Amino acid sequence: MARSIVCWSLACRGCSHMPDAAHSHGLRTILLTALAMLAFAANSLLCRLALQHKGIDPASFGIVRLVAGALMLGLIVRFRAQPPASPARADWLAAVMLFAYVAFFSFAYLSLPAGTGALILFGAVQLTMFGVGLRAGSERFGALAWFGFVLAAAGLVYLVLPGIAAPPLVGAVLMAVAGVAWGVYSLRGRGVADPLAATSRNFTRAVPLALALSLVFAASAHADATGLVLAVASGALTSGLGYVVWYAALGRLGAMRAATVQLSVPLLAAFGGVLFLSEAITPRLAAASVAILGGIALVLSQKSRAGARR
């Protein structure tokens, strides 16, 4: 099954002889992108659902997710049609950042609603990547991009300000740390020759770190069948297969479109939380969403125009 999925999503070059190849590839890209965004949003829903009903503890959820993801990605890389690239030097910093993302993400969802958590995560990821680019000199912001950057940062601050509608502060901080870790992990992956194989290896390297964390929290460890199924689904399906689908779409989207379509993930998670977890979309969450996602969109729009001029 894994082999057929990979062949369908990655081996597209052989379709060029078809009369409607360009139209077919366009539809394929749209479908793959939509599936990937749904998978990424579903990660928040699965984790929140598992922890909300106390079906599993966060440390156990994290290690089951990583093990399931490592197994799924390992099988896909092993049986895919594309020959694997020569393995690069082990990037343990990337593995540590992946582990930190999974761990802080899991503990954050002990208290955060799915939509709020996804918004904080996404905002922290993008602000981290923009900030690192500015510091390194690889990003140059004009007035509009700076306005967007400040607007997004202000939206995050507003979301977590004390008040009746504010999310739990500890959960918000944990999710922000998870976002920073994922942002650093994403930056480490730039320019990797075989991102799918690199992701597989990083999942495998992160497993011992998650196991050590599970031992620290062994006294509170618990898991029922539902919690385990949700954790496995998060690792194998919405993470493992989600990355396969995303990398298949990524080559045809381009960097700016790829960054822009990810604006949909927090919104999908928020609506999923309403539909499946009976969560409410508060005025504060709505206003913060407009500020954070709108600010990031402004930065991306200027980057897109600058790239077009170059």
Protein backbone atom coordinates (compact mmCIF):
# COMPACT_ATOMS: atom_id res chain seq x y z
CA MET A 1 0.00 0.00 0.00
CA ALA A 2 2.80 2.43 0.93
CA ARG A 3 4.53 1.74 -2.36
CA SER A 4 1.40 2.47 -4.39
CA ILE A 5 0.82 5.76 -2.56
CA VAL A 6 4.39 6.90 -3.15
CA CYS A 7 4.32 5.87 -6.83
CA TRP A 8 1.08 7.78 -7.32
CA SER A 9 2.28 10.95 -5.62
CA LEU A 10 5.96 11.11 -6.55
CA ALA A 11 6.35 9.42 -9.92
CA CYS A 12 4.54 12.04 -11.97
CA ARG A 13 7.11 12.59 -14.70
CA GLY A 14 5.96 9.57 -16.69
CA CYS A 15 2.57 11.18 -17.35
CA SER A 16 3.91 13.86 -19.74
CA HIS A 17 2.79 11.96 -22.88
CA MET A 18 -0.88 12.39 -22.01
CA PRO A 19 -2.79 15.08 -23.98
CA ASP A 20 -4.06 16.81 -20.82
CA ALA A 21 -0.88 16.31 -18.80
CA ALA A 22 -0.59 19.95 -17.71
CA HIS A 23 -4.25 20.06 -16.61
CA SER A 24 -3.89 16.69 -14.86
CA HIS A 25 -0.75 17.82 -13.02
CA GLY A 26 -2.51 21.01 -11.92
CA LEU A 27 -5.41 19.07 -10.44
CA ARG A 28 -2.99 16.63 -8.84
CA THR A 29 -1.09 19.48 -7.20
CA ILE A 30 -4.31 21.03 -5.86
CA LEU A 31 -5.47 17.68 -4.49
CA LEU A 32 -2.12 16.85 -2.90
CA THR A 33 -1.87 20.31 -1.34
CA ALA A 34 -5.39 20.09 0.11
CA LEU A 35 -4.69 16.63 1.55
CA ALA A 36 -1.44 17.82 3.12
CA MET A 37 -3.08 20.84 4.76
CA LEU A 38 -5.89 18.65 6.11
CA ALA A 39 -3.30 16.21 7.50
CA PHE A 40 -1.34 18.97 9.25
CA ALA A 41 -4.52 20.42 10.76
CA ALA A 42 -5.63 16.93 11.81
CA ASN A 43 -2.48 16.55 13.92
CA SER A 44 -3.82 19.21 16.27
CA LEU A 45 -7.26 17.58 16.38
CA LEU A 46 -5.93 14.08 17.04
CA CYS A 47 -3.61 15.20 19.83
CA ARG A 48 -6.23 17.37 21.52
CA LEU A 49 -8.86 14.63 21.23
CA ALA A 50 -6.55 12.03 22.77
CA LEU A 51 -5.52 14.25 25.69
CA GLN A 52 -8.90 15.90 26.26
CA HIS A 53 -10.46 12.54 27.10
CA LYS A 54 -7.33 11.38 28.98
CA GLY A 55 -6.91 8.39 26.68
CA ILE A 56 -3.13 8.79 26.85
CA ASP A 57 -0.58 10.99 28.59
CA PRO A 58 1.36 13.57 26.50
CA ALA A 59 4.78 11.89 26.84
CA SER A 60 3.38 8.56 25.66
CA PHE A 61 1.49 10.28 22.84
CA GLY A 62 4.76 11.86 21.69
CA ILE A 63 6.79 8.66 21.61
CA VAL A 64 4.02 6.64 19.93
CA ARG A 65 3.66 9.38 17.33
CA LEU A 66 7.40 9.42 16.61
CA VAL A 67 7.73 5.63 16.45
CA ALA A 68 4.70 5.30 14.15
CA GLY A 69 6.00 8.13 11.97
CA ALA A 70 9.50 6.64 11.80
CA LEU A 71 8.14 3.23 10.79
CA MET A 72 5.81 4.65 8.13
CA LEU A 73 8.46 6.96 6.65
CA GLY A 74 11.07 4.20 6.75
CA LEU A 75 8.80 1.86 4.80
CA ILE A 76 7.96 4.54 2.26
CA VAL A 77 11.58 5.50 1.67
CA ARG A 78 12.54 1.82 1.42
CA PHE A 79 9.90 0.89 -1.16
CA ARG A 80 9.44 4.06 -3.19
CA ALA A 81 10.24 4.10 -6.88
CA GLN A 82 12.74 6.98 -6.61
CA PRO A 83 16.22 5.75 -5.58
CA PRO A 84 17.33 7.30 -2.28
CA ALA A 85 20.01 9.99 -2.35
CA SER A 86 23.30 9.37 -0.60
CA PRO A 87 22.71 9.88 3.12
CA ALA A 88 24.08 13.17 4.42
CA ARG A 89 25.95 13.60 7.67
CA ALA A 90 23.69 12.99 10.66
CA ASP A 91 21.97 16.23 11.67
CA TRP A 92 21.37 15.72 15.37
CA LEU A 93 20.31 19.33 15.88
CA ALA A 94 17.44 18.73 13.45
CA ALA A 95 16.49 15.57 15.33
CA VAL A 96 16.54 17.44 18.66
CA MET A 97 14.35 20.19 17.19
CA LEU A 98 11.90 17.59 15.85
CA PHE A 99 11.74 15.93 19.27
CA ALA A 100 11.26 19.32 20.99
CA TYR A 101 8.42 20.19 18.63
CA VAL A 102 6.62 16.87 19.24
CA ALA A 103 7.15 16.99 23.01
CA PHE A 104 6.09 20.61 23.62
CA PHE A 105 3.23 20.23 21.12
CA SER A 106 1.90 17.22 23.05
CA PHE A 107 2.10 18.85 26.48
CA ALA A 108 0.60 22.11 25.19
CA TYR A 109 -2.56 20.32 24.09
CA LEU A 110 -3.28 19.25 27.64
CA SER A 111 -4.94 22.65 28.01
CA LEU A 112 -5.15 24.44 24.65
CA PRO A 113 -8.09 24.18 22.23
CA ALA A 114 -7.10 22.78 18.84
CA GLY A 115 -7.59 25.98 16.86
CA THR A 116 -5.81 28.20 19.37
CA GLY A 117 -2.89 25.80 19.58
CA ALA A 118 -2.55 25.58 15.80
CA LEU A 119 -2.62 29.38 15.49
CA ILE A 120 0.08 29.87 18.12
CA LEU A 121 2.17 27.10 16.57
CA PHE A 122 1.90 28.45 13.04
CA GLY A 123 2.56 32.04 14.11
CA ALA A 124 5.63 31.05 16.10
CA VAL A 125 6.98 28.95 13.21
CA GLN A 126 6.67 31.75 10.66
CA LEU A 127 7.96 34.51 12.97
CA THR A 128 10.97 32.31 13.85
CA MET A 129 11.80 31.76 10.20
CA PHE A 130 11.35 35.43 9.32
CA GLY A 131 13.42 36.50 12.34
CA VAL A 132 16.28 34.14 11.55
CA GLY A 133 16.27 35.34 7.95
CA LEU A 134 16.44 38.97 9.05
CA ARG A 135 19.27 38.29 11.48
CA ALA A 136 21.25 36.35 8.88
CA GLY A 137 20.70 39.01 6.23
CA SER A 138 18.95 36.65 3.85
CA GLU A 139 15.64 38.51 4.32
CA ARG A 140 15.12 42.20 3.57
CA PHE A 141 11.84 43.71 4.69
CA GLY A 142 10.26 46.79 3.26
CA ALA A 143 7.74 48.94 5.13
CA LEU A 144 4.79 46.68 4.27
CA ALA A 145 6.61 43.52 5.36
CA TRP A 146 7.70 45.14 8.62
CA PHE A 147 4.11 46.18 9.25
CA GLY A 148 2.98 42.60 8.62
CA PHE A 149 5.70 41.18 10.88
CA VAL A 150 4.75 43.53 13.75
CA LEU A 151 1.05 42.88 13.18
CA ALA A 152 1.54 39.11 13.39
CA ALA A 153 3.68 39.41 16.53
CA ALA A 154 1.11 41.74 18.11
CA GLY A 155 -1.63 39.25 17.26
CA LEU A 156 0.23 36.51 19.14
CA VAL A 157 0.74 38.80 22.15
CA TYR A 158 -2.92 39.82 22.12
CA LEU A 159 -4.04 36.20 21.95
CA VAL A 160 -2.21 35.28 25.17
CA LEU A 161 -2.79 38.50 27.15
CA PRO A 162 -4.47 37.83 30.51
CA GLY A 163 -8.24 37.93 30.37
CA ILE A 164 -11.36 35.80 30.54
CA ALA A 165 -10.97 34.61 26.94
CA ALA A 166 -7.22 34.11 27.09
CA PRO A 167 -5.87 30.58 26.54
CA PRO A 168 -3.99 28.96 29.46
CA LEU A 169 -0.62 30.72 29.66
CA VAL A 170 1.43 27.56 30.26
CA GLY A 171 -0.11 25.82 27.27
CA ALA A 172 0.44 28.89 25.09
CA VAL A 173 4.11 29.14 26.09
CA LEU A 174 4.65 25.42 25.46
CA MET A 175 3.09 25.71 22.01
CA ALA A 176 5.16 28.78 21.19
CA VAL A 177 8.31 26.83 22.08
CA ALA A 178 7.08 23.99 19.83
CA GLY A 179 6.65 26.53 17.03
CA VAL A 180 10.17 27.90 17.48
CA ALA A 181 11.55 24.33 17.40
CA TRP A 182 9.63 23.52 14.23
CA GLY A 183 10.81 26.77 12.64
CA VAL A 184 14.45 25.89 13.36
CA TYR A 185 13.85 22.35 12.09
CA SER A 186 12.39 23.74 8.86
CA LEU A 187 15.40 26.01 8.38
CA ARG A 188 17.76 23.07 8.90
CA GLY A 189 15.97 21.24 6.10
CA ARG A 190 16.53 23.91 3.44
CA GLY A 191 18.61 22.63 0.57
CA VAL A 192 18.50 18.97 1.67
CA ALA A 193 18.84 16.76 -1.41
CA ASP A 194 16.28 14.18 -0.27
CA PRO A 195 13.92 15.81 2.28
CA LEU A 196 11.73 12.73 2.67
CA ALA A 197 14.67 10.47 3.54
CA ALA A 198 16.08 13.17 5.84
CA THR A 199 12.73 13.43 7.62
CA SER A 200 12.65 9.65 8.03
CA ARG A 201 16.11 9.62 9.58
CA ASN A 202 15.27 12.52 11.90
CA PHE A 203 12.14 10.75 13.14
CA THR A 204 14.26 7.69 13.91
CA ARG A 205 16.90 9.75 15.75
CA ALA A 206 14.20 11.54 17.78
CA VAL A 207 12.75 8.28 19.13
CA PRO A 208 15.44 7.68 21.83
CA LEU A 209 14.97 11.27 23.05
CA ALA A 210 11.23 10.72 23.35
CA LEU A 211 11.84 7.44 25.15
CA ALA A 212 14.02 9.23 27.70
CA LEU A 213 11.24 11.78 28.24
CA SER A 214 8.72 8.97 28.70
CA LEU A 215 10.93 7.47 31.41
CA VAL A 216 10.97 10.82 33.22
CA PHE A 217 7.16 10.86 33.23
CA ALA A 218 6.76 7.10 33.73
CA ALA A 219 4.81 7.58 36.98
CA SER A 220 1.98 9.34 35.13
CA ALA A 221 2.08 7.17 32.00
CA HIS A 222 -1.19 5.65 30.83
CA ALA A 223 -2.85 4.75 27.55
CA ASP A 224 -6.06 3.09 26.50
CA ALA A 225 -6.87 1.65 23.08
CA THR A 226 -8.40 4.88 21.79
CA GLY A 227 -5.44 6.98 22.90
CA LEU A 228 -2.98 4.61 21.23
CA VAL A 229 -4.97 4.56 17.99
CA LEU A 230 -5.07 8.36 17.88
CA ALA A 231 -1.32 8.59 18.54
CA VAL A 232 -0.53 6.01 15.85
CA ALA A 233 -2.79 7.85 13.40
CA SER A 234 -1.03 11.12 14.18
CA GLY A 235 2.38 9.56 13.57
CA ALA A 236 1.76 7.20 10.67
CA LEU A 237 -1.01 9.00 8.76
CA THR A 238 -1.16 12.74 9.40
CA SER A 239 2.61 13.02 9.98
CA GLY A 240 4.21 10.21 7.95
CA LEU A 241 1.89 10.08 4.93
CA GLY A 242 1.19 13.80 5.37
CA TYR A 243 4.86 14.60 4.67
CA VAL A 244 4.89 12.28 1.64
CA VAL A 245 1.92 14.10 0.15
CA TRP A 246 3.34 17.52 1.05
CA TYR A 247 6.73 16.87 -0.52
CA ALA A 248 4.97 15.58 -3.65
CA ALA A 249 3.07 18.88 -3.95
CA LEU A 250 5.95 21.09 -2.86
CA GLY A 251 7.98 20.74 -6.05
CA ARG A 252 5.15 22.27 -8.09
CA LEU A 253 4.06 24.96 -5.65
CA GLY A 254 7.21 27.02 -5.26
CA ALA A 255 8.39 28.51 -1.97
CA MET A 256 5.98 31.46 -1.78
CA ARG A 257 2.87 29.48 -2.69
CA ALA A 258 3.90 26.73 -0.26
CA ALA A 259 4.23 29.25 2.57
CA THR A 260 0.96 30.94 1.63
CA VAL A 261 -1.21 27.80 1.50
CA GLN A 262 -0.08 26.93 5.01
CA LEU A 263 -2.10 29.92 6.21
CA SER A 264 -5.08 27.58 5.93
CA VAL A 265 -3.84 25.13 8.59
CA PRO A 266 -4.87 27.11 11.73
CA LEU A 267 -8.26 27.88 10.18
CA LEU A 268 -8.84 24.23 9.31
CA ALA A 269 -7.84 23.22 12.84
CA ALA A 270 -10.19 25.83 14.33
CA PHE A 271 -13.16 24.67 12.26
CA GLY A 272 -12.27 21.06 12.99
CA GLY A 273 -12.27 21.88 16.69
CA VAL A 274 -15.78 23.32 16.36
CA LEU A 275 -17.06 20.32 14.41
CA PHE A 276 -15.39 17.46 16.27
CA LEU A 277 -14.41 18.80 19.72
CA SER A 278 -17.28 21.22 20.43
CA GLU A 279 -14.82 24.10 20.77
CA ALA A 280 -15.88 27.72 20.37
CA ILE A 281 -14.32 30.36 18.12
CA THR A 282 -14.09 33.33 20.49
CA PRO A 283 -13.89 36.99 19.37
CA ARG A 284 -10.32 37.09 20.71
CA LEU A 285 -9.32 34.05 18.64
CA ALA A 286 -10.98 35.53 15.54
CA ALA A 287 -9.25 38.91 15.96
CA ALA A 288 -5.88 37.28 16.67
CA SER A 289 -6.30 35.03 13.61
CA VAL A 290 -6.88 38.06 11.38
CA ALA A 291 -3.82 39.82 12.80
CA ILE A 292 -1.46 36.83 12.74
CA LEU A 293 -2.47 35.31 9.42
CA GLY A 294 -2.99 38.71 7.78
CA GLY A 295 0.41 39.92 8.97
CA ILE A 296 2.15 36.81 7.68
CA ALA A 297 0.31 37.14 4.36
CA LEU A 298 1.61 40.71 4.02
CA VAL A 299 5.19 39.55 4.56
CA LEU A 300 4.78 36.73 2.07
CA SER A 301 3.19 39.01 -0.51
CA GLN A 302 6.16 41.39 -0.40
CA LYS A 303 8.60 38.48 -0.61
CA SER A 304 6.69 37.20 -3.64
CA ARG A 305 6.85 40.59 -5.38
CA ALA A 306 10.54 40.96 -4.57
CA GLY A 307 11.21 37.51 -6.00
CA ALA A 308 9.28 38.38 -9.17
CA ARG A 309 11.32 41.56 -9.65
CA ARG A 310 14.57 39.64 -9.26
